[in-house]
Amino acid sequence: MVTLTRTTVAGREKVRGRRHRGESLTKVLFVLPAVVAMVALFGYPVVKNLLMSLQDYGLKTFFTGVAPWVGLKNYSTVVTDKLFSDAMLNTALFTVGSIAFQFAIGLGLALFFHKKFPLSGLLRSLLLLPWLLPLIVSSATWRSILEQDNGILNRTLMKLHLIGDPVPWLNSPSVALIAVIGVNIWIGIPFNVTLLYSGLAEIPDELYEAGQLDGATGWRSFWYITWPNLRAVASVLLMLGVVYTIKVLDIILGLTGGGPANATQTLATQSYEKSFIDFKFGQGAALANILIVISFVFAIFYLRSTRRAIDE
């Protein structure tokens, strides 16, 4: 009887073991397509781009199949290029200016729409239009608006007697970058409003009611109730904004092409020109990798600082 019981228990354990292995295999099979897709769509391009940046990869490589190994020469060449420092500065100004105003205006509009009023849903839907339009369409539209002689903006400002002569928004090195930043702000506001509004909707009304009893109204209500509960959403939004904005290409190409006189040249546009105009793919890949490193370092630094602030 005891021997039979032991045999039965051992058999059950074998069945459980087989079932557990089967469940583990099923889990792996479910995850495997996603892993393969990640490796194929993200892993391979990153590795290929890194290898290209270490090779003399030019137009002739497509015909000969030969790309001599040059090590860090491409990085040295692009960093010592006279345009690199200007591109770095323009990238920083473009990113900081865009993110700061997108977030500030987006937060203001999210707080505005958080107060219920007639047609608020319709207005929020219309606000999404700039974000839904293809970027090249937005660029072409704004290029016509900012045109110096016949643009709507200059005509309107002159009729209102705010300016005497047409402003060369896209043709002057002194104002072209400002104009490009303004267009990028306009495009990014809907995304900021959407995420911030969603974050505001998750804050319980009970917190505001309790705050009113303690005298936390107006600005104090925002600072002590709204912002602490919105900080996590704001952190993700700012990180995504920087990672996206630092590599913006199509907007700049559609408006100025990096000009005039390289006034709107960024690391992204410089990488594009090196690769697809000069056909120096190795140098273009090196610039792209510098952008990746900058984005990665910022993401780590910002997430760590934000997590530390939340823990405190």
C-alpha atoms as a PDB file:
ATOM      1  CA  MET A   1       0.000   0.000   0.000  1.00  0.00           C
ATOM      2  CA  VAL A   2       2.834   2.391   0.924  1.00  0.00           C
ATOM      3  CA  THR A   3       4.717   1.464  -2.242  1.00  0.00           C
ATOM      4  CA  LEU A   4       1.597   2.137  -4.318  1.00  0.00           C
ATOM      5  CA  THR A   5       1.130   5.535  -2.675  1.00  0.00           C
ATOM      6  CA  ARG A   6       4.748   6.502  -3.337  1.00  0.00           C
ATOM      7  CA  THR A   7       4.382   5.440  -6.959  1.00  0.00           C
ATOM      8  CA  THR A   8       1.226   7.520  -7.332  1.00  0.00           C
ATOM      9  CA  VAL A   9       2.883  10.602  -5.802  1.00  0.00           C
ATOM     10  CA  ALA A  10       5.923  10.189  -8.042  1.00  0.00           C
ATOM     11  CA  GLY A  11       3.664   9.921 -11.074  1.00  0.00           C
ATOM     12  CA  ARG A  12       1.780  13.046 -10.121  1.00  0.00           C
ATOM     13  CA  GLU A  13       5.061  14.940  -9.648  1.00  0.00           C
ATOM     14  CA  LYS A  14       6.186  13.862 -13.117  1.00  0.00           C
ATOM     15  CA  VAL A  15       2.915  15.084 -14.596  1.00  0.00           C
ATOM     16  CA  ARG A  16       3.253  18.398 -12.759  1.00  0.00           C
ATOM     17  CA  GLY A  17       6.827  18.738 -13.964  1.00  0.00           C
ATOM     18  CA  ARG A  18       5.805  18.119 -17.562  1.00  0.00           C
ATOM     19  CA  ARG A  19       2.928  20.585 -17.227  1.00  0.00           C
ATOM     20  CA  HIS A  20       5.247  23.211 -15.737  1.00  0.00           C
ATOM     21  CA  ARG A  21       7.751  22.748 -18.571  1.00  0.00           C
ATOM     22  CA  GLY A  22       4.916  22.979 -21.077  1.00  0.00           C
ATOM     23  CA  GLU A  23       3.684  26.241 -19.528  1.00  0.00           C
ATOM     24  CA  SER A  24       7.223  27.660 -19.529  1.00  0.00           C
ATOM     25  CA  LEU A  25       7.643  26.722 -23.191  1.00  0.00           C
ATOM     26  CA  THR A  26       4.288  28.348 -24.009  1.00  0.00           C
ATOM     27  CA  LYS A  27       5.389  31.583 -22.317  1.00  0.00           C
ATOM     28  CA  VAL A  28       8.655  31.573 -24.264  1.00  0.00           C
ATOM     29  CA  LEU A  29       6.802  30.998 -27.544  1.00  0.00           C
ATOM     30  CA  PHE A  30       4.492  33.931 -26.812  1.00  0.00           C
ATOM     31  CA  VAL A  31       7.436  36.249 -26.064  1.00  0.00           C
ATOM     32  CA  LEU A  32       9.665  34.991 -28.881  1.00  0.00           C
ATOM     33  CA  PRO A  33       7.948  36.912 -31.765  1.00  0.00           C
ATOM     34  CA  ALA A  34       8.300  40.188 -29.856  1.00  0.00           C
ATOM     35  CA  VAL A  35      11.976  39.469 -29.156  1.00  0.00           C
ATOM     36  CA  VAL A  36      12.615  38.613 -32.810  1.00  0.00           C
ATOM     37  CA  ALA A  37      10.839  41.801 -33.908  1.00  0.00           C
ATOM     38  CA  MET A  38      12.855  43.923 -31.450  1.00  0.00           C
ATOM     39  CA  VAL A  39      16.138  42.413 -32.612  1.00  0.00           C
ATOM     40  CA  ALA A  40      15.241  42.749 -36.306  1.00  0.00           C
ATOM     41  CA  LEU A  41      13.763  46.265 -36.164  1.00  0.00           C
ATOM     42  CA  PHE A  42      15.924  47.860 -33.469  1.00  0.00           C
ATOM     43  CA  GLY A  43      18.905  45.699 -32.568  1.00  0.00           C
ATOM     44  CA  TYR A  44      20.211  45.096 -36.091  1.00  0.00           C
ATOM     45  CA  PRO A  45      19.962  48.754 -37.256  1.00  0.00           C
ATOM     46  CA  VAL A  46      21.767  49.979 -34.126  1.00  0.00           C
ATOM     47  CA  VAL A  47      24.579  47.445 -34.517  1.00  0.00           C
ATOM     48  CA  LYS A  48      24.813  48.110 -38.266  1.00  0.00           C
ATOM     49  CA  ASN A  49      24.945  51.854 -37.664  1.00  0.00           C
ATOM     50  CA  LEU A  50      27.704  51.392 -35.093  1.00  0.00           C
ATOM     51  CA  LEU A  51      29.754  49.292 -37.508  1.00  0.00           C
ATOM     52  CA  MET A  52      29.238  51.808 -40.325  1.00  0.00           C
ATOM     53  CA  SER A  53      30.559  54.595 -38.099  1.00  0.00           C
ATOM     54  CA  LEU A  54      33.819  52.658 -37.736  1.00  0.00           C
ATOM     55  CA  GLN A  55      34.243  52.121 -41.488  1.00  0.00           C
ATOM     56  CA  ASP A  56      34.975  54.222 -44.550  1.00  0.00           C
ATOM     57  CA  TYR A  57      31.468  53.579 -45.812  1.00  0.00           C
ATOM     58  CA  GLY A  58      30.828  55.624 -48.933  1.00  0.00           C
ATOM     59  CA  LEU A  59      28.980  55.469 -52.205  1.00  0.00           C
ATOM     60  CA  LYS A  60      31.624  53.203 -53.738  1.00  0.00           C
ATOM     61  CA  THR A  61      30.908  50.609 -51.045  1.00  0.00           C
ATOM     62  CA  PHE A  62      27.575  49.844 -52.733  1.00  0.00           C
ATOM     63  CA  PHE A  63      29.455  48.856 -55.908  1.00  0.00           C
ATOM     64  CA  THR A  64      32.588  47.234 -54.484  1.00  0.00           C
ATOM     65  CA  GLY A  65      31.175  45.871 -51.235  1.00  0.00           C
ATOM     66  CA  VAL A  66      34.355  47.047 -49.523  1.00  0.00           C
ATOM     67  CA  ALA A  67      34.273  49.364 -46.496  1.00  0.00           C
ATOM     68  CA  PRO A  68      37.762  49.755 -44.983  1.00  0.00           C
ATOM     69  CA  TRP A  69      37.986  49.796 -41.192  1.00  0.00           C
ATOM     70  CA  VAL A  70      38.972  53.282 -39.951  1.00  0.00           C
ATOM     71  CA  GLY A  71      38.182  53.013 -36.250  1.00  0.00           C
ATOM     72  CA  LEU A  72      37.277  56.327 -34.615  1.00  0.00           C
ATOM     73  CA  LYS A  73      38.399  58.448 -37.563  1.00  0.00           C
ATOM     74  CA  ASN A  74      34.832  59.288 -38.567  1.00  0.00           C
ATOM     75  CA  TYR A  75      34.075  60.511 -35.056  1.00  0.00           C
ATOM     76  CA  SER A  76      37.222  62.615 -35.048  1.00  0.00           C
ATOM     77  CA  THR A  77      36.350  64.087 -38.445  1.00  0.00           C
ATOM     78  CA  VAL A  78      32.806  65.124 -37.545  1.00  0.00           C
ATOM     79  CA  VAL A  79      33.725  66.467 -34.106  1.00  0.00           C
ATOM     80  CA  THR A  80      36.526  68.645 -35.477  1.00  0.00           C
ATOM     81  CA  ASP A  81      34.330  69.899 -38.324  1.00  0.00           C
ATOM     82  CA  LYS A  82      33.749  73.650 -38.042  1.00  0.00           C
ATOM     83  CA  LEU A  83      29.974  73.102 -38.304  1.00  0.00           C
ATOM     84  CA  PHE A  84      29.831  70.633 -35.417  1.00  0.00           C
ATOM     85  CA  SER A  85      29.935  73.216 -32.616  1.00  0.00           C
ATOM     86  CA  ASP A  86      27.259  75.321 -34.334  1.00  0.00           C
ATOM     87  CA  ALA A  87      25.113  72.227 -34.873  1.00  0.00           C
ATOM     88  CA  MET A  88      25.501  71.253 -31.207  1.00  0.00           C
ATOM     89  CA  LEU A  89      24.482  74.725 -30.060  1.00  0.00           C
ATOM     90  CA  ASN A  90      21.520  74.831 -32.444  1.00  0.00           C
ATOM     91  CA  THR A  91      20.443  71.357 -31.307  1.00  0.00           C
ATOM     92  CA  ALA A  92      20.543  72.461 -27.670  1.00  0.00           C
ATOM     93  CA  LEU A  93      18.647  75.701 -28.347  1.00  0.00           C
ATOM     94  CA  PHE A  94      16.098  73.938 -30.530  1.00  0.00           C
ATOM     95  CA  THR A  95      15.511  71.186 -27.956  1.00  0.00           C
ATOM     96  CA  VAL A  96      15.370  73.370 -24.839  1.00  0.00           C
ATOM     97  CA  GLY A  97      13.262  76.068 -26.490  1.00  0.00           C
ATOM     98  CA  SER A  98      10.795  73.589 -27.942  1.00  0.00           C
ATOM     99  CA  ILE A  99      10.419  71.470 -24.809  1.00  0.00           C
ATOM    100  CA  ALA A 100      10.107  74.426 -22.420  1.00  0.00           C
ATOM    101  CA  PHE A 101       7.341  76.182 -24.353  1.00  0.00           C
ATOM    102  CA  GLN A 102       5.558  72.985 -25.385  1.00  0.00           C
ATOM    103  CA  PHE A 103       5.364  71.887 -21.769  1.00  0.00           C
ATOM    104  CA  ALA A 104       4.428  75.292 -20.340  1.00  0.00           C
ATOM    105  CA  ILE A 105       1.701  75.974 -22.923  1.00  0.00           C
ATOM    106  CA  GLY A 106       0.514  72.361 -22.791  1.00  0.00           C
ATOM    107  CA  LEU A 107       0.228  72.484 -18.991  1.00  0.00           C
ATOM    108  CA  GLY A 108      -1.695  75.754 -19.143  1.00  0.00           C
ATOM    109  CA  LEU A 109      -4.138  74.381 -21.716  1.00  0.00           C
ATOM    110  CA  ALA A 110      -4.529  71.097 -19.816  1.00  0.00           C
ATOM    111  CA  LEU A 111      -5.433  73.022 -16.652  1.00  0.00           C
ATOM    112  CA  PHE A 112      -7.830  75.144 -18.695  1.00  0.00           C
ATOM    113  CA  PHE A 113      -9.608  72.143 -20.247  1.00  0.00           C
ATOM    114  CA  HIS A 114      -9.676  70.356 -16.885  1.00  0.00           C
ATOM    115  CA  LYS A 115     -12.345  72.842 -15.847  1.00  0.00           C
ATOM    116  CA  LYS A 116     -15.577  71.604 -17.351  1.00  0.00           C
ATOM    117  CA  PHE A 117     -17.300  74.031 -19.720  1.00  0.00           C
ATOM    118  CA  PRO A 118     -19.462  73.746 -22.867  1.00  0.00           C
ATOM    119  CA  LEU A 119     -17.703  72.466 -26.009  1.00  0.00           C
ATOM    120  CA  SER A 120     -14.525  71.597 -24.070  1.00  0.00           C
ATOM    121  CA  GLY A 121     -14.485  68.116 -25.643  1.00  0.00           C
ATOM    122  CA  LEU A 122     -14.830  69.547 -29.153  1.00  0.00           C
ATOM    123  CA  LEU A 123     -12.060  72.071 -28.575  1.00  0.00           C
ATOM    124  CA  ARG A 124      -9.744  69.373 -27.230  1.00  0.00           C
ATOM    125  CA  SER A 125     -10.428  67.292 -30.335  1.00  0.00           C
ATOM    126  CA  LEU A 126      -9.640  70.217 -32.636  1.00  0.00           C
ATOM    127  CA  LEU A 127      -6.446  70.824 -30.682  1.00  0.00           C
ATOM    128  CA  LEU A 128      -5.168  67.432 -31.837  1.00  0.00           C
ATOM    129  CA  LEU A 129      -5.145  68.441 -35.517  1.00  0.00           C
ATOM    130  CA  PRO A 130      -1.581  69.842 -35.583  1.00  0.00           C
ATOM    131  CA  TRP A 131      -0.310  66.588 -34.088  1.00  0.00           C
ATOM    132  CA  LEU A 132      -2.274  64.403 -36.513  1.00  0.00           C
ATOM    133  CA  LEU A 133      -1.083  66.160 -39.670  1.00  0.00           C
ATOM    134  CA  PRO A 134       1.949  64.664 -41.459  1.00  0.00           C
ATOM    135  CA  LEU A 135       5.020  66.689 -40.506  1.00  0.00           C
ATOM    136  CA  ILE A 136       5.938  67.443 -44.099  1.00  0.00           C
ATOM    137  CA  VAL A 137       2.429  68.884 -44.631  1.00  0.00           C
ATOM    138  CA  SER A 138       2.792  71.039 -41.515  1.00  0.00           C
ATOM    139  CA  SER A 139       6.201  72.222 -42.712  1.00  0.00           C
ATOM    140  CA  ALA A 140       4.880  73.153 -46.160  1.00  0.00           C
ATOM    141  CA  THR A 141       1.929  75.004 -44.619  1.00  0.00           C
ATOM    142  CA  TRP A 142       4.085  76.992 -42.227  1.00  0.00           C
ATOM    143  CA  ARG A 143       6.597  77.731 -44.977  1.00  0.00           C
ATOM    144  CA  SER A 144       3.865  79.502 -46.923  1.00  0.00           C
ATOM    145  CA  ILE A 145       2.666  81.299 -43.783  1.00  0.00           C
ATOM    146  CA  LEU A 146       6.176  82.535 -42.952  1.00  0.00           C
ATOM    147  CA  GLU A 147       7.051  83.516 -46.542  1.00  0.00           C
ATOM    148  CA  GLN A 148       8.659  86.943 -46.498  1.00  0.00           C
ATOM    149  CA  ASP A 149       6.789  88.783 -49.255  1.00  0.00           C
ATOM    150  CA  ASN A 150       3.430  87.031 -49.523  1.00  0.00           C
ATOM    151  CA  GLY A 151       3.160  85.145 -46.242  1.00  0.00           C
ATOM    152  CA  ILE A 152      -0.014  85.516 -44.181  1.00  0.00           C
ATOM    153  CA  LEU A 153       1.901  86.316 -41.009  1.00  0.00           C
ATOM    154  CA  ASN A 154       3.823  89.277 -42.420  1.00  0.00           C
ATOM    155  CA  ARG A 155       0.750  90.640 -44.175  1.00  0.00           C
ATOM    156  CA  THR A 156      -1.272  90.463 -40.977  1.00  0.00           C
ATOM    157  CA  LEU A 157       1.436  92.095 -38.864  1.00  0.00           C
ATOM    158  CA  MET A 158       1.853  94.891 -41.413  1.00  0.00           C
ATOM    159  CA  LYS A 159      -1.905  95.538 -41.562  1.00  0.00           C
ATOM    160  CA  LEU A 160      -1.931  95.793 -37.774  1.00  0.00           C
ATOM    161  CA  HIS A 161       1.034  98.207 -38.040  1.00  0.00           C
ATOM    162  CA  LEU A 162       3.119  95.990 -35.764  1.00  0.00           C
ATOM    163  CA  ILE A 163       5.980  95.878 -38.283  1.00  0.00           C
ATOM    164  CA  GLY A 164       7.039  98.274 -41.000  1.00  0.00           C
ATOM    165  CA  ASP A 165       8.884  95.903 -43.327  1.00  0.00           C
ATOM    166  CA  PRO A 166       8.365  92.175 -43.967  1.00  0.00           C
ATOM    167  CA  VAL A 167      10.330  89.963 -41.578  1.00  0.00           C
ATOM    168  CA  PRO A 168      12.504  87.346 -43.332  1.00  0.00           C
ATOM    169  CA  TRP A 169      11.439  84.586 -40.958  1.00  0.00           C
ATOM    170  CA  LEU A 170      13.104  81.764 -42.879  1.00  0.00           C
ATOM    171  CA  ASN A 171      15.723  83.731 -44.811  1.00  0.00           C
ATOM    172  CA  SER A 172      17.552  85.560 -42.035  1.00  0.00           C
ATOM    173  CA  PRO A 173      20.188  83.753 -39.920  1.00  0.00           C
ATOM    174  CA  SER A 174      19.128  85.800 -36.896  1.00  0.00           C
ATOM    175  CA  VAL A 175      15.471  84.729 -36.821  1.00  0.00           C
ATOM    176  CA  ALA A 176      15.311  81.454 -38.789  1.00  0.00           C
ATOM    177  CA  LEU A 177      16.013  79.251 -35.764  1.00  0.00           C
ATOM    178  CA  ILE A 178      13.368  81.099 -33.732  1.00  0.00           C
ATOM    179  CA  ALA A 179      10.825  80.512 -36.500  1.00  0.00           C
ATOM    180  CA  VAL A 180      11.661  76.805 -36.703  1.00  0.00           C
ATOM    181  CA  ILE A 181      11.381  76.470 -32.913  1.00  0.00           C
ATOM    182  CA  GLY A 182       7.996  78.210 -33.051  1.00  0.00           C
ATOM    183  CA  VAL A 183       6.677  75.744 -35.633  1.00  0.00           C
ATOM    184  CA  ASN A 184       7.945  72.787 -33.617  1.00  0.00           C
ATOM    185  CA  ILE A 185       6.242  74.188 -30.506  1.00  0.00           C
ATOM    186  CA  TRP A 186       2.962  74.417 -32.406  1.00  0.00           C
ATOM    187  CA  ILE A 187       3.288  70.788 -33.528  1.00  0.00           C
ATOM    188  CA  GLY A 188       4.166  69.448 -30.069  1.00  0.00           C
ATOM    189  CA  ILE A 189       1.559  71.247 -27.944  1.00  0.00           C
ATOM    190  CA  PRO A 190      -1.291  68.729 -28.597  1.00  0.00           C
ATOM    191  CA  PHE A 191       0.822  65.796 -27.392  1.00  0.00           C
ATOM    192  CA  ASN A 192       1.682  67.652 -24.183  1.00  0.00           C
ATOM    193  CA  VAL A 193      -1.935  68.652 -23.600  1.00  0.00           C
ATOM    194  CA  THR A 194      -3.166  65.086 -24.114  1.00  0.00           C
ATOM    195  CA  LEU A 195      -0.773  63.482 -21.627  1.00  0.00           C
ATOM    196  CA  LEU A 196      -1.032  66.237 -19.026  1.00  0.00           C
ATOM    197  CA  TYR A 197      -4.820  66.297 -19.243  1.00  0.00           C
ATOM    198  CA  SER A 198      -4.873  62.528 -18.707  1.00  0.00           C
ATOM    199  CA  GLY A 199      -2.645  62.981 -15.663  1.00  0.00           C
ATOM    200  CA  LEU A 200      -4.921  65.678 -14.252  1.00  0.00           C
ATOM    201  CA  ALA A 201      -7.971  63.465 -14.744  1.00  0.00           C
ATOM    202  CA  GLU A 202      -6.373  60.793 -12.523  1.00  0.00           C
ATOM    203  CA  ILE A 203      -6.030  63.130  -9.522  1.00  0.00           C
ATOM    204  CA  PRO A 204      -8.900  62.421  -7.070  1.00  0.00           C
ATOM    205  CA  ASP A 205     -11.244  65.342  -6.388  1.00  0.00           C
ATOM    206  CA  GLU A 206     -11.112  64.440  -2.707  1.00  0.00           C
ATOM    207  CA  LEU A 207      -7.567  65.782  -2.515  1.00  0.00           C
ATOM    208  CA  TYR A 208      -8.706  69.220  -3.682  1.00  0.00           C
ATOM    209  CA  GLU A 209     -11.642  69.162  -1.305  1.00  0.00           C
ATOM    210  CA  ALA A 210      -9.359  68.306   1.612  1.00  0.00           C
ATOM    211  CA  GLY A 211      -6.926  70.974   0.462  1.00  0.00           C
ATOM    212  CA  GLN A 212      -9.638  73.620   0.469  1.00  0.00           C
ATOM    213  CA  LEU A 213     -10.407  72.798   4.074  1.00  0.00           C
ATOM    214  CA  ASP A 214      -6.740  73.411   4.884  1.00  0.00           C
ATOM    215  CA  GLY A 215      -6.680  76.656   2.894  1.00  0.00           C
ATOM    216  CA  ALA A 216      -4.862  75.258  -0.165  1.00  0.00           C
ATOM    217  CA  THR A 217      -6.517  77.139  -3.026  1.00  0.00           C
ATOM    218  CA  GLY A 218      -5.302  78.708  -6.275  1.00  0.00           C
ATOM    219  CA  TRP A 219      -1.546  78.585  -6.652  1.00  0.00           C
ATOM    220  CA  ARG A 220      -1.062  76.673  -3.386  1.00  0.00           C
ATOM    221  CA  SER A 221      -3.489  74.012  -4.600  1.00  0.00           C
ATOM    222  CA  PHE A 222      -1.466  73.581  -7.775  1.00  0.00           C
ATOM    223  CA  TRP A 223       1.892  73.509  -6.001  1.00  0.00           C
ATOM    224  CA  TYR A 224       0.988  71.149  -3.148  1.00  0.00           C
ATOM    225  CA  ILE A 225      -1.661  68.933  -4.776  1.00  0.00           C
ATOM    226  CA  THR A 226      -1.622  69.092  -8.577  1.00  0.00           C
ATOM    227  CA  TRP A 227       2.109  69.160  -9.280  1.00  0.00           C
ATOM    228  CA  PRO A 228       3.174  66.338  -6.885  1.00  0.00           C
ATOM    229  CA  ASN A 229       0.538  64.059  -8.420  1.00  0.00           C
ATOM    230  CA  LEU A 230       1.434  65.156 -11.947  1.00  0.00           C
ATOM    231  CA  ARG A 231       5.194  64.818 -11.552  1.00  0.00           C
ATOM    232  CA  ALA A 232       5.398  61.225 -12.805  1.00  0.00           C
ATOM    233  CA  VAL A 233       3.487  62.066 -15.998  1.00  0.00           C
ATOM    234  CA  ALA A 234       5.537  65.229 -16.472  1.00  0.00           C
ATOM    235  CA  SER A 235       8.780  63.241 -16.114  1.00  0.00           C
ATOM    236  CA  VAL A 236       7.807  60.767 -18.812  1.00  0.00           C
ATOM    237  CA  LEU A 237       6.539  63.577 -21.041  1.00  0.00           C
ATOM    238  CA  LEU A 238       9.737  65.618 -20.757  1.00  0.00           C
ATOM    239  CA  MET A 239      11.944  62.600 -21.358  1.00  0.00           C
ATOM    240  CA  LEU A 240       9.978  61.562 -24.451  1.00  0.00           C
ATOM    241  CA  GLY A 241       9.975  65.171 -25.625  1.00  0.00           C
ATOM    242  CA  VAL A 242      13.741  65.504 -25.427  1.00  0.00           C
ATOM    243  CA  VAL A 243      14.401  62.135 -27.083  1.00  0.00           C
ATOM    244  CA  TYR A 244      12.029  63.051 -29.907  1.00  0.00           C
ATOM    245  CA  THR A 245      12.989  66.720 -30.341  1.00  0.00           C
ATOM    246  CA  ILE A 246      16.735  66.176 -30.355  1.00  0.00           C
ATOM    247  CA  LYS A 247      16.409  64.114 -33.556  1.00  0.00           C
ATOM    248  CA  VAL A 248      13.813  66.217 -35.404  1.00  0.00           C
ATOM    249  CA  LEU A 249      14.691  66.317 -39.087  1.00  0.00           C
ATOM    250  CA  ASP A 250      11.696  66.622 -41.400  1.00  0.00           C
ATOM    251  CA  ILE A 251      10.419  69.889 -39.920  1.00  0.00           C
ATOM    252  CA  ILE A 252      13.773  71.618 -40.369  1.00  0.00           C
ATOM    253  CA  LEU A 253      14.285  70.207 -43.857  1.00  0.00           C
ATOM    254  CA  GLY A 254      10.797  71.287 -44.890  1.00  0.00           C
ATOM    255  CA  LEU A 255      11.234  74.839 -43.580  1.00  0.00           C
ATOM    256  CA  THR A 256      14.863  75.839 -44.109  1.00  0.00           C
ATOM    257  CA  GLY A 257      16.873  72.790 -45.114  1.00  0.00           C
ATOM    258  CA  GLY A 258      19.371  73.700 -42.404  1.00  0.00           C
ATOM    259  CA  GLY A 259      19.926  77.222 -43.722  1.00  0.00           C
ATOM    260  CA  PRO A 260      20.252  80.069 -44.169  1.00  0.00           C
ATOM    261  CA  ALA A 261      24.025  80.015 -43.662  1.00  0.00           C
ATOM    262  CA  ASN A 262      23.645  76.889 -41.466  1.00  0.00           C
ATOM    263  CA  ALA A 263      21.646  78.927 -38.927  1.00  0.00           C
ATOM    264  CA  THR A 264      19.240  76.016 -38.371  1.00  0.00           C
ATOM    265  CA  GLN A 265      21.759  73.220 -38.819  1.00  0.00           C
ATOM    266  CA  THR A 266      21.421  70.581 -36.080  1.00  0.00           C
ATOM    267  CA  LEU A 267      23.121  67.255 -35.468  1.00  0.00           C
ATOM    268  CA  ALA A 268      20.179  65.497 -37.132  1.00  0.00           C
ATOM    269  CA  THR A 269      20.317  67.611 -40.303  1.00  0.00           C
ATOM    270  CA  GLN A 270      24.108  67.390 -40.396  1.00  0.00           C
ATOM    271  CA  SER A 271      23.885  63.598 -40.156  1.00  0.00           C
ATOM    272  CA  TYR A 272      21.354  63.617 -43.011  1.00  0.00           C
ATOM    273  CA  GLU A 273      23.549  65.802 -45.205  1.00  0.00           C
ATOM    274  CA  LYS A 274      26.657  63.715 -44.544  1.00  0.00           C
ATOM    275  CA  SER A 275      24.790  60.520 -45.446  1.00  0.00           C
ATOM    276  CA  PHE A 276      22.461  61.431 -48.302  1.00  0.00           C
ATOM    277  CA  ILE A 277      24.010  64.528 -49.871  1.00  0.00           C
ATOM    278  CA  ASP A 278      27.753  63.981 -49.404  1.00  0.00           C
ATOM    279  CA  PHE A 279      27.302  60.156 -49.368  1.00  0.00           C
ATOM    280  CA  LYS A 280      29.707  59.841 -46.438  1.00  0.00           C
ATOM    281  CA  PHE A 281      27.636  57.245 -44.633  1.00  0.00           C
ATOM    282  CA  GLY A 282      30.316  56.488 -42.057  1.00  0.00           C
ATOM    283  CA  GLN A 283      30.412  60.096 -40.869  1.00  0.00           C
ATOM    284  CA  GLY A 284      26.621  60.321 -40.945  1.00  0.00           C
ATOM    285  CA  ALA A 285      26.415  57.190 -38.799  1.00  0.00           C
ATOM    286  CA  ALA A 286      28.930  58.684 -36.359  1.00  0.00           C
ATOM    287  CA  LEU A 287      26.763  61.785 -35.917  1.00  0.00           C
ATOM    288  CA  ALA A 288      23.684  59.592 -35.449  1.00  0.00           C
ATOM    289  CA  ASN A 289      25.463  57.609 -32.744  1.00  0.00           C
ATOM    290  CA  ILE A 290      26.424  60.820 -30.963  1.00  0.00           C
ATOM    291  CA  LEU A 291      22.718  61.740 -30.936  1.00  0.00           C
ATOM    292  CA  ILE A 292      21.854  58.310 -29.522  1.00  0.00           C
ATOM    293  CA  VAL A 293      24.421  58.658 -26.738  1.00  0.00           C
ATOM    294  CA  ILE A 294      23.195  62.148 -25.833  1.00  0.00           C
ATOM    295  CA  SER A 295      19.584  60.916 -25.659  1.00  0.00           C
ATOM    296  CA  PHE A 296      20.571  57.864 -23.620  1.00  0.00           C
ATOM    297  CA  VAL A 297      22.644  59.854 -21.122  1.00  0.00           C
ATOM    298  CA  PHE A 298      19.891  62.420 -20.680  1.00  0.00           C
ATOM    299  CA  ALA A 299      17.252  59.719 -20.181  1.00  0.00           C
ATOM    300  CA  ILE A 300      19.307  57.986 -17.468  1.00  0.00           C
ATOM    301  CA  PHE A 301      20.192  61.225 -15.688  1.00  0.00           C
ATOM    302  CA  TYR A 302      16.657  62.579 -15.784  1.00  0.00           C
ATOM    303  CA  LEU A 303      15.003  59.345 -14.649  1.00  0.00           C
ATOM    304  CA  ARG A 304      17.429  58.955 -11.744  1.00  0.00           C
ATOM    305  CA  SER A 305      16.977  62.537 -10.600  1.00  0.00           C
ATOM    306  CA  THR A 306      13.191  62.260 -10.898  1.00  0.00           C
ATOM    307  CA  ARG A 307      13.080  58.982  -8.987  1.00  0.00           C
ATOM    308  CA  ARG A 308      15.207  60.515  -6.247  1.00  0.00           C
ATOM    309  CA  ALA A 309      12.850  63.492  -6.020  1.00  0.00           C
ATOM    310  CA  ILE A 310       9.787  61.209  -5.823  1.00  0.00           C
ATOM    311  CA  ASP A 311      11.393  59.059  -3.104  1.00  0.00           C
ATOM    312  CA  GLU A 312      12.136  62.147  -1.051  1.00  0.00           C
END
